[in-house]
Amino acid sequence: MKQFRLVAICVLLLSFAPGRVFADLPEPKARENPNITAGRKAIEAKDYQGAVGHLTKAVQDEPKNADAHLALPGASGFCWLASGAQPVR
């Protein structure tokens, strides 16, 4: 039951402000990991599965990179919402 509540809250938060989730990400750095750059571009193109792949690789390449860790859950959530999945009841 707790998992359902958590999923429901996440879905509600993501559904009310999808554009704002990534609006607060820091600007790209001059020497940013290319997978983060590709992930950002995929998010802008609404290719959430592609973004998840790029950001997962970025986390694997640089496990201490906060930008990659912060962007990955949002991209995963959008990917889940775009698939039309419904919370389990």
C-alpha atoms as a PDB file:
ATOM      1  CA  MET A   1       0.000   0.000   0.000  1.00  0.00           C
ATOM      2  CA  LYS A   2       2.860   2.374   0.798  1.00  0.00           C
ATOM      3  CA  GLN A   3       4.387   1.728  -2.623  1.00  0.00           C
ATOM      4  CA  PHE A   4       1.107   2.574  -4.316  1.00  0.00           C
ATOM      5  CA  ARG A   5       0.895   5.858  -2.425  1.00  0.00           C
ATOM      6  CA  LEU A   6       4.460   6.727  -3.367  1.00  0.00           C
ATOM      7  CA  VAL A   7       3.839   5.933  -7.034  1.00  0.00           C
ATOM      8  CA  ALA A   8       0.571   7.856  -7.018  1.00  0.00           C
ATOM      9  CA  ILE A   9       2.240  10.922  -5.492  1.00  0.00           C
ATOM     10  CA  CYS A  10       5.074  10.781  -8.036  1.00  0.00           C
ATOM     11  CA  VAL A  11       2.617  10.473 -10.921  1.00  0.00           C
ATOM     12  CA  LEU A  12       0.591  13.410  -9.647  1.00  0.00           C
ATOM     13  CA  LEU A  13       3.659  15.586  -9.243  1.00  0.00           C
ATOM     14  CA  LEU A  14       4.963  14.725 -12.687  1.00  0.00           C
ATOM     15  CA  SER A  15       1.588  15.189 -14.370  1.00  0.00           C
ATOM     16  CA  PHE A  16       1.021  18.707 -13.032  1.00  0.00           C
ATOM     17  CA  ALA A  17       4.353  20.191 -14.071  1.00  0.00           C
ATOM     18  CA  PRO A  18       6.146  18.034 -16.665  1.00  0.00           C
ATOM     19  CA  GLY A  19       8.045  20.950 -18.171  1.00  0.00           C
ATOM     20  CA  ARG A  20       9.200  22.209 -14.812  1.00  0.00           C
ATOM     21  CA  VAL A  21      10.886  18.990 -13.701  1.00  0.00           C
ATOM     22  CA  PHE A  22      13.851  19.666 -15.953  1.00  0.00           C
ATOM     23  CA  ALA A  23      13.593  23.439 -15.973  1.00  0.00           C
ATOM     24  CA  ASP A  24      15.751  23.716 -12.871  1.00  0.00           C
ATOM     25  CA  LEU A  25      18.610  21.567 -14.122  1.00  0.00           C
ATOM     26  CA  PRO A  26      21.855  23.497 -14.219  1.00  0.00           C
ATOM     27  CA  GLU A  27      23.009  24.814 -17.537  1.00  0.00           C
ATOM     28  CA  PRO A  28      25.234  22.443 -19.509  1.00  0.00           C
ATOM     29  CA  LYS A  29      28.881  22.740 -18.590  1.00  0.00           C
ATOM     30  CA  ALA A  30      31.617  23.303 -21.153  1.00  0.00           C
ATOM     31  CA  ARG A  31      33.089  19.854 -20.502  1.00  0.00           C
ATOM     32  CA  GLU A  32      29.914  17.963 -19.692  1.00  0.00           C
ATOM     33  CA  ASN A  33      29.689  14.187 -20.122  1.00  0.00           C
ATOM     34  CA  PRO A  34      28.471  13.595 -23.707  1.00  0.00           C
ATOM     35  CA  ASN A  35      25.826  11.173 -22.431  1.00  0.00           C
ATOM     36  CA  ILE A  36      24.303  13.897 -20.243  1.00  0.00           C
ATOM     37  CA  THR A  37      24.243  16.247 -23.222  1.00  0.00           C
ATOM     38  CA  ALA A  38      22.578  13.558 -25.352  1.00  0.00           C
ATOM     39  CA  GLY A  39      20.125  12.860 -22.512  1.00  0.00           C
ATOM     40  CA  ARG A  40      19.173  16.538 -22.295  1.00  0.00           C
ATOM     41  CA  LYS A  41      18.589  16.671 -26.057  1.00  0.00           C
ATOM     42  CA  ALA A  42      16.500  13.492 -25.919  1.00  0.00           C
ATOM     43  CA  ILE A  43      14.354  14.972 -23.143  1.00  0.00           C
ATOM     44  CA  GLU A  44      13.808  18.134 -25.172  1.00  0.00           C
ATOM     45  CA  ALA A  45      12.787  15.940 -28.138  1.00  0.00           C
ATOM     46  CA  LYS A  46      10.446  13.960 -25.836  1.00  0.00           C
ATOM     47  CA  ASP A  47      12.441  10.776 -26.509  1.00  0.00           C
ATOM     48  CA  TYR A  48      12.326   9.638 -22.903  1.00  0.00           C
ATOM     49  CA  GLN A  49      13.523   6.070 -23.534  1.00  0.00           C
ATOM     50  CA  GLY A  50      16.577   7.431 -25.305  1.00  0.00           C
ATOM     51  CA  ALA A  51      17.144   9.881 -22.456  1.00  0.00           C
ATOM     52  CA  VAL A  52      17.015   7.071 -19.891  1.00  0.00           C
ATOM     53  CA  GLY A  53      19.626   5.130 -21.870  1.00  0.00           C
ATOM     54  CA  HIS A  54      22.008   8.089 -22.166  1.00  0.00           C
ATOM     55  CA  LEU A  55      21.604   9.149 -18.544  1.00  0.00           C
ATOM     56  CA  THR A  56      22.092   5.577 -17.307  1.00  0.00           C
ATOM     57  CA  LYS A  57      25.374   5.442 -19.211  1.00  0.00           C
ATOM     58  CA  ALA A  58      26.345   8.823 -17.738  1.00  0.00           C
ATOM     59  CA  VAL A  59      25.725   7.529 -14.197  1.00  0.00           C
ATOM     60  CA  GLN A  60      27.791   4.423 -14.954  1.00  0.00           C
ATOM     61  CA  ASP A  61      30.632   6.516 -16.424  1.00  0.00           C
ATOM     62  CA  GLU A  62      30.629   9.087 -13.629  1.00  0.00           C
ATOM     63  CA  PRO A  63      28.957   7.703 -10.483  1.00  0.00           C
ATOM     64  CA  LYS A  64      29.644  10.926  -8.538  1.00  0.00           C
ATOM     65  CA  ASN A  65      28.050  13.222 -11.127  1.00  0.00           C
ATOM     66  CA  ALA A  66      25.013  14.781  -9.439  1.00  0.00           C
ATOM     67  CA  ASP A  67      23.537  16.136 -12.687  1.00  0.00           C
ATOM     68  CA  ALA A  68      23.208  12.633 -14.120  1.00  0.00           C
ATOM     69  CA  HIS A  69      21.741  11.263 -10.902  1.00  0.00           C
ATOM     70  CA  LEU A  70      19.189  14.090 -10.701  1.00  0.00           C
ATOM     71  CA  ALA A  71      18.060  13.867 -14.326  1.00  0.00           C
ATOM     72  CA  LEU A  72      17.690  10.078 -14.518  1.00  0.00           C
ATOM     73  CA  PRO A  73      14.629   9.620 -12.243  1.00  0.00           C
ATOM     74  CA  GLY A  74      12.732  12.382 -14.032  1.00  0.00           C
ATOM     75  CA  ALA A  75      13.433  10.867 -17.445  1.00  0.00           C
ATOM     76  CA  SER A  76      12.396   7.459 -16.112  1.00  0.00           C
ATOM     77  CA  GLY A  77       9.144   8.922 -14.800  1.00  0.00           C
ATOM     78  CA  PHE A  78       8.331  10.574 -18.105  1.00  0.00           C
ATOM     79  CA  CYS A  79       9.141   7.336 -19.922  1.00  0.00           C
ATOM     80  CA  TRP A  80       6.725   5.515 -17.627  1.00  0.00           C
ATOM     81  CA  LEU A  81       3.991   8.115 -18.121  1.00  0.00           C
ATOM     82  CA  ALA A  82       4.490   8.185 -21.888  1.00  0.00           C
ATOM     83  CA  SER A  83       4.007   4.408 -22.012  1.00  0.00           C
ATOM     84  CA  GLY A  84       0.473   4.872 -20.705  1.00  0.00           C
ATOM     85  CA  ALA A  85       1.155   2.734 -17.639  1.00  0.00           C
ATOM     86  CA  GLN A  86      -1.322   2.910 -14.815  1.00  0.00           C
ATOM     87  CA  PRO A  87      -0.579   2.461 -11.111  1.00  0.00           C
ATOM     88  CA  VAL A  88      -1.241  -1.037  -9.809  1.00  0.00           C
ATOM     89  CA  ARG A  89      -4.291  -1.201  -7.578  1.00  0.00           C
END
